[in-house]
Amino acid sequence: MRQAVIFASAIALLGASQAFAQTVGVRPADTVIVEPEQRQVIKQYIVKEKVAPVRVPQRVVIGDTLPADVELRSVPSTWGPKLTKYRYIYSGNHVYLVEPSDRKVIEEIE
């Protein structure tokens, strides 16, 4: 019986971790899901538009607040309607989505 409980618990945790891996964000209000197709559109936009990278004094990490002197760019409508409320930066060959109200990094697109 005990083995059955342990097995059921392991299955439940595995399922929960898979669901968590599909959503990314700092806190529930900031959760954003960027589908693989959208990621490809974003990468192609960066190359096609020759977006210049910005210098950030420290390593950019999800959850960190960007300094006020780092310029945030508007997300183009081609990235999808659910992303246009955010801003972004391009740094170190990565695109980072940023919540403009508090300048927190909420997603990294490699």
N, C-alpha and C. Protein backbone atom coordinates (compact mmCIF):
# COMPACT_ATOMS: atom_id res chain seq x y z
N MET A 1 0.83 -1.19 0.00
CA MET A 1 0.00 0.00 0.00
C MET A 1 0.87 1.26 0.00
N ARG A 2 1.92 1.23 0.82
CA ARG A 2 2.79 2.40 0.91
C ARG A 2 3.47 2.68 -0.44
N GLN A 3 3.86 1.63 -1.14
CA GLN A 3 4.48 1.81 -2.45
C GLN A 3 3.50 2.43 -3.43
N ALA A 4 2.24 2.07 -3.33
CA ALA A 4 1.22 2.64 -4.22
C ALA A 4 1.07 4.13 -3.97
N VAL A 5 1.10 4.53 -2.70
CA VAL A 5 0.98 5.95 -2.34
C VAL A 5 2.19 6.72 -2.85
N ILE A 6 3.37 6.16 -2.68
CA ILE A 6 4.60 6.82 -3.15
C ILE A 6 4.56 6.95 -4.67
N PHE A 7 4.14 5.89 -5.35
CA PHE A 7 4.06 5.91 -6.81
C PHE A 7 3.06 6.97 -7.28
N ALA A 8 1.89 7.02 -6.64
CA ALA A 8 0.87 8.01 -7.02
C ALA A 8 1.38 9.43 -6.78
N SER A 9 2.10 9.63 -5.68
CA SER A 9 2.66 10.95 -5.39
C SER A 9 3.69 11.35 -6.44
N ALA A 10 4.52 10.40 -6.84
CA ALA A 10 5.54 10.69 -7.85
C ALA A 10 4.89 11.06 -9.18
N ILE A 11 3.84 10.35 -9.56
CA ILE A 11 3.13 10.66 -10.80
C ILE A 11 2.51 12.05 -10.73
N ALA A 12 1.91 12.38 -9.58
CA ALA A 12 1.29 13.70 -9.42
C ALA A 12 2.34 14.81 -9.52
N LEU A 13 3.49 14.61 -8.90
CA LEU A 13 4.56 15.61 -8.98
C LEU A 13 5.09 15.75 -10.39
N LEU A 14 5.23 14.64 -11.08
CA LEU A 14 5.71 14.68 -12.45
C LEU A 14 4.74 15.46 -13.33
N GLY A 15 3.47 15.21 -13.19
CA GLY A 15 2.46 15.94 -13.96
C GLY A 15 2.47 17.42 -13.64
N ALA A 16 2.62 17.75 -12.37
CA ALA A 16 2.65 19.17 -11.96
C ALA A 16 3.88 19.86 -12.52
N SER A 17 5.03 19.17 -12.52
CA SER A 17 6.24 19.81 -13.03
C SER A 17 6.16 20.03 -14.54
N GLN A 18 5.50 19.12 -15.27
CA GLN A 18 5.34 19.31 -16.70
C GLN A 18 4.43 20.50 -16.99
N ALA A 19 3.36 20.65 -16.21
CA ALA A 19 2.46 21.79 -16.40
C ALA A 19 3.18 23.08 -16.07
N PHE A 20 3.99 23.08 -15.03
CA PHE A 20 4.72 24.28 -14.65
C PHE A 20 5.73 24.67 -15.73
N ALA A 21 6.33 23.68 -16.34
CA ALA A 21 7.34 23.96 -17.36
C ALA A 21 6.75 24.65 -18.58
N GLN A 22 5.46 24.56 -18.76
CA GLN A 22 4.84 25.17 -19.92
C GLN A 22 4.52 26.64 -19.71
N THR A 23 4.48 27.10 -18.48
CA THR A 23 4.22 28.50 -18.21
C THR A 23 5.46 29.12 -17.59
N VAL A 24 5.77 30.31 -18.00
CA VAL A 24 6.95 30.97 -17.51
C VAL A 24 6.55 32.34 -17.02
N GLY A 25 7.08 32.74 -15.90
CA GLY A 25 6.78 34.07 -15.41
C GLY A 25 7.33 34.28 -14.03
N VAL A 26 7.29 35.50 -13.60
CA VAL A 26 7.80 35.85 -12.30
C VAL A 26 6.76 35.60 -11.23
N ARG A 27 5.54 35.97 -11.51
CA ARG A 27 4.42 35.75 -10.60
C ARG A 27 3.18 35.54 -11.46
N PRO A 28 2.10 35.02 -10.91
CA PRO A 28 0.95 34.67 -11.75
C PRO A 28 0.48 35.79 -12.67
N ALA A 29 0.50 37.02 -12.23
CA ALA A 29 0.03 38.13 -13.07
C ALA A 29 0.92 38.33 -14.29
N ASP A 30 2.18 37.91 -14.19
CA ASP A 30 3.13 38.11 -15.28
C ASP A 30 3.31 36.88 -16.16
N THR A 31 2.56 35.82 -15.89
CA THR A 31 2.74 34.60 -16.64
C THR A 31 2.41 34.82 -18.11
N VAL A 32 3.33 34.42 -18.94
CA VAL A 32 3.14 34.56 -20.38
C VAL A 32 3.67 33.29 -21.03
N ILE A 33 2.93 32.80 -22.00
CA ILE A 33 3.37 31.62 -22.73
C ILE A 33 3.69 32.05 -24.15
N VAL A 34 4.91 31.82 -24.56
CA VAL A 34 5.33 32.14 -25.92
C VAL A 34 5.50 30.82 -26.65
N GLU A 35 4.61 30.58 -27.59
CA GLU A 35 4.62 29.33 -28.35
C GLU A 35 5.85 29.26 -29.25
N PRO A 36 6.27 28.05 -29.60
CA PRO A 36 7.45 27.89 -30.46
C PRO A 36 7.34 28.67 -31.78
N GLU A 37 6.14 28.72 -32.36
CA GLU A 37 5.97 29.47 -33.62
C GLU A 37 6.22 30.96 -33.39
N GLN A 38 5.75 31.48 -32.25
CA GLN A 38 5.97 32.89 -31.93
C GLN A 38 7.45 33.16 -31.71
N ARG A 39 8.12 32.25 -31.05
CA ARG A 39 9.56 32.41 -30.81
C ARG A 39 10.30 32.52 -32.14
N GLN A 40 9.90 31.72 -33.11
CA GLN A 40 10.53 31.77 -34.43
C GLN A 40 10.27 33.11 -35.11
N VAL A 41 9.04 33.61 -35.00
CA VAL A 41 8.70 34.92 -35.57
C VAL A 41 9.56 36.01 -34.94
N ILE A 42 9.72 35.94 -33.63
CA ILE A 42 10.52 36.94 -32.91
C ILE A 42 11.97 36.89 -33.36
N LYS A 43 12.54 35.71 -33.44
CA LYS A 43 13.93 35.57 -33.88
C LYS A 43 14.12 36.11 -35.30
N GLN A 44 13.18 35.78 -36.18
CA GLN A 44 13.27 36.26 -37.56
C GLN A 44 13.17 37.78 -37.62
N TYR A 45 12.31 38.37 -36.77
CA TYR A 45 12.16 39.82 -36.74
C TYR A 45 13.49 40.48 -36.34
N ILE A 46 14.13 39.94 -35.33
CA ILE A 46 15.40 40.51 -34.84
C ILE A 46 16.44 40.53 -35.95
N VAL A 47 16.51 39.44 -36.71
CA VAL A 47 17.49 39.34 -37.81
C VAL A 47 17.09 40.26 -38.96
N LYS A 48 15.83 40.16 -39.39
CA LYS A 48 15.37 40.94 -40.55
C LYS A 48 15.49 42.44 -40.31
N GLU A 49 15.10 42.88 -39.12
CA GLU A 49 15.12 44.32 -38.81
C GLU A 49 16.48 44.79 -38.30
N LYS A 50 17.42 43.87 -38.19
CA LYS A 50 18.77 44.20 -37.72
C LYS A 50 18.72 45.00 -36.41
N VAL A 51 17.98 44.45 -35.45
CA VAL A 51 17.83 45.11 -34.15
C VAL A 51 19.19 45.16 -33.46
N ALA A 52 19.58 46.35 -33.09
CA ALA A 52 20.87 46.52 -32.41
C ALA A 52 20.75 46.06 -30.96
N PRO A 53 21.72 45.27 -30.51
CA PRO A 53 21.67 44.85 -29.10
C PRO A 53 21.95 46.01 -28.16
N VAL A 54 21.40 45.92 -26.96
CA VAL A 54 21.66 46.93 -25.95
C VAL A 54 22.65 46.38 -24.94
N ARG A 55 23.39 47.27 -24.34
CA ARG A 55 24.33 46.88 -23.29
C ARG A 55 23.62 46.99 -21.95
N VAL A 56 23.70 45.93 -21.21
CA VAL A 56 23.12 45.90 -19.87
C VAL A 56 24.28 45.65 -18.91
N PRO A 57 24.39 46.47 -17.85
CA PRO A 57 25.56 46.35 -16.98
C PRO A 57 25.70 45.00 -16.27
N GLN A 58 24.60 44.31 -16.04
CA GLN A 58 24.67 43.01 -15.38
C GLN A 58 24.01 41.96 -16.26
N ARG A 59 24.18 40.71 -15.89
CA ARG A 59 23.54 39.61 -16.62
C ARG A 59 22.03 39.76 -16.48
N VAL A 60 21.29 39.58 -17.57
CA VAL A 60 19.84 39.71 -17.54
C VAL A 60 19.24 38.37 -17.10
N VAL A 61 18.40 38.43 -16.07
CA VAL A 61 17.80 37.23 -15.50
C VAL A 61 16.30 37.47 -15.33
N ILE A 62 15.50 36.45 -15.64
CA ILE A 62 14.06 36.55 -15.43
C ILE A 62 13.80 36.88 -13.96
N GLY A 63 12.95 37.88 -13.75
CA GLY A 63 12.61 38.32 -12.40
C GLY A 63 13.37 39.56 -11.96
N ASP A 64 14.47 39.86 -12.62
CA ASP A 64 15.24 41.06 -12.27
C ASP A 64 14.58 42.30 -12.86
N THR A 65 14.84 43.43 -12.22
CA THR A 65 14.38 44.72 -12.71
C THR A 65 15.51 45.37 -13.50
N LEU A 66 15.18 45.82 -14.70
CA LEU A 66 16.19 46.48 -15.53
C LEU A 66 16.41 47.91 -15.07
N PRO A 67 17.64 48.39 -15.15
CA PRO A 67 17.92 49.77 -14.78
C PRO A 67 17.15 50.76 -15.67
N ALA A 68 16.90 51.94 -15.14
CA ALA A 68 16.12 52.96 -15.85
C ALA A 68 16.81 53.42 -17.13
N ASP A 69 18.12 53.30 -17.21
CA ASP A 69 18.82 53.78 -18.40
C ASP A 69 18.83 52.77 -19.55
N VAL A 70 18.28 51.58 -19.33
CA VAL A 70 18.17 50.59 -20.41
C VAL A 70 16.88 50.89 -21.18
N GLU A 71 17.03 51.19 -22.47
CA GLU A 71 15.87 51.55 -23.29
C GLU A 71 15.05 50.32 -23.65
N LEU A 72 13.76 50.38 -23.35
CA LEU A 72 12.84 49.31 -23.69
C LEU A 72 12.20 49.62 -25.03
N ARG A 73 12.09 48.62 -25.89
CA ARG A 73 11.46 48.79 -27.20
C ARG A 73 10.03 48.26 -27.15
N SER A 74 9.16 48.85 -27.95
CA SER A 74 7.79 48.36 -28.07
C SER A 74 7.78 47.05 -28.83
N VAL A 75 6.94 46.13 -28.38
CA VAL A 75 6.79 44.85 -29.06
C VAL A 75 5.96 45.07 -30.33
N PRO A 76 6.46 44.65 -31.49
CA PRO A 76 5.70 44.82 -32.73
C PRO A 76 4.45 43.93 -32.73
N SER A 77 3.42 44.36 -33.41
CA SER A 77 2.16 43.61 -33.46
C SER A 77 2.34 42.24 -34.11
N THR A 78 3.36 42.09 -34.95
CA THR A 78 3.58 40.80 -35.62
C THR A 78 3.97 39.70 -34.64
N TRP A 79 4.36 40.07 -33.43
CA TRP A 79 4.72 39.08 -32.42
C TRP A 79 3.49 38.46 -31.77
N GLY A 80 2.33 39.04 -32.01
CA GLY A 80 1.10 38.50 -31.46
C GLY A 80 0.45 39.46 -30.50
N PRO A 81 -0.89 39.49 -30.48
CA PRO A 81 -1.62 40.46 -29.66
C PRO A 81 -1.40 40.32 -28.16
N LYS A 82 -1.13 39.11 -27.68
CA LYS A 82 -0.96 38.96 -26.24
C LYS A 82 0.40 39.47 -25.76
N LEU A 83 1.31 39.77 -26.68
CA LEU A 83 2.63 40.26 -26.28
C LEU A 83 2.78 41.76 -26.42
N THR A 84 1.86 42.43 -27.11
CA THR A 84 2.05 43.86 -27.39
C THR A 84 1.98 44.74 -26.15
N LYS A 85 1.47 44.24 -25.06
CA LYS A 85 1.44 45.05 -23.83
C LYS A 85 2.82 45.12 -23.15
N TYR A 86 3.73 44.26 -23.61
CA TYR A 86 5.07 44.23 -23.02
C TYR A 86 6.04 45.06 -23.84
N ARG A 87 7.23 45.24 -23.33
CA ARG A 87 8.34 45.84 -24.04
C ARG A 87 9.41 44.76 -24.13
N TYR A 88 10.47 45.05 -24.88
CA TYR A 88 11.54 44.06 -24.98
C TYR A 88 12.89 44.74 -25.10
N ILE A 89 13.91 43.95 -24.82
CA ILE A 89 15.28 44.34 -25.13
C ILE A 89 15.92 43.15 -25.85
N TYR A 90 16.93 43.46 -26.63
CA TYR A 90 17.73 42.44 -27.30
C TYR A 90 19.14 42.61 -26.78
N SER A 91 19.63 41.57 -26.11
CA SER A 91 20.96 41.65 -25.50
C SER A 91 21.57 40.25 -25.44
N GLY A 92 22.82 40.15 -25.82
CA GLY A 92 23.51 38.86 -25.75
C GLY A 92 22.85 37.76 -26.56
N ASN A 93 22.36 38.11 -27.75
CA ASN A 93 21.67 37.15 -28.63
C ASN A 93 20.40 36.57 -28.04
N HIS A 94 19.81 37.28 -27.08
CA HIS A 94 18.55 36.86 -26.48
C HIS A 94 17.59 38.04 -26.51
N VAL A 95 16.32 37.71 -26.65
CA VAL A 95 15.27 38.71 -26.54
C VAL A 95 14.63 38.50 -25.17
N TYR A 96 14.45 39.60 -24.45
CA TYR A 96 13.84 39.54 -23.13
C TYR A 96 12.56 40.36 -23.14
N LEU A 97 11.45 39.74 -22.76
CA LEU A 97 10.20 40.48 -22.61
C LEU A 97 10.21 41.13 -21.24
N VAL A 98 9.71 42.37 -21.18
CA VAL A 98 9.77 43.15 -19.96
C VAL A 98 8.39 43.73 -19.67
N GLU A 99 7.96 43.64 -18.42
CA GLU A 99 6.73 44.30 -17.98
C GLU A 99 7.07 45.79 -17.82
N PRO A 100 6.46 46.66 -18.62
CA PRO A 100 6.87 48.07 -18.61
C PRO A 100 6.56 48.81 -17.31
N SER A 101 5.54 48.39 -16.57
CA SER A 101 5.16 49.13 -15.35
C SER A 101 6.23 49.05 -14.26
N ASP A 102 6.92 47.91 -14.17
CA ASP A 102 7.95 47.79 -13.13
C ASP A 102 9.31 47.38 -13.69
N ARG A 103 9.41 47.27 -15.03
CA ARG A 103 10.66 46.96 -15.73
C ARG A 103 11.23 45.59 -15.37
N LYS A 104 10.36 44.68 -14.93
CA LYS A 104 10.82 43.32 -14.61
C LYS A 104 10.88 42.47 -15.85
N VAL A 105 11.94 41.69 -15.96
CA VAL A 105 12.10 40.74 -17.05
C VAL A 105 11.19 39.55 -16.77
N ILE A 106 10.31 39.23 -17.73
CA ILE A 106 9.36 38.16 -17.49
C ILE A 106 9.57 36.94 -18.39
N GLU A 107 10.34 37.09 -19.45
CA GLU A 107 10.55 35.96 -20.36
C GLU A 107 11.81 36.16 -21.16
N GLU A 108 12.50 35.05 -21.43
CA GLU A 108 13.71 35.06 -22.25
C GLU A 108 13.45 34.21 -23.48
N ILE A 109 13.82 34.73 -24.61
CA ILE A 109 13.68 34.01 -25.87
C ILE A 109 15.05 33.84 -26.46
N GLU A 110 15.49 32.60 -26.53
CA GLU A 110 16.85 32.30 -27.00
C GLU A 110 16.89 32.14 -28.49
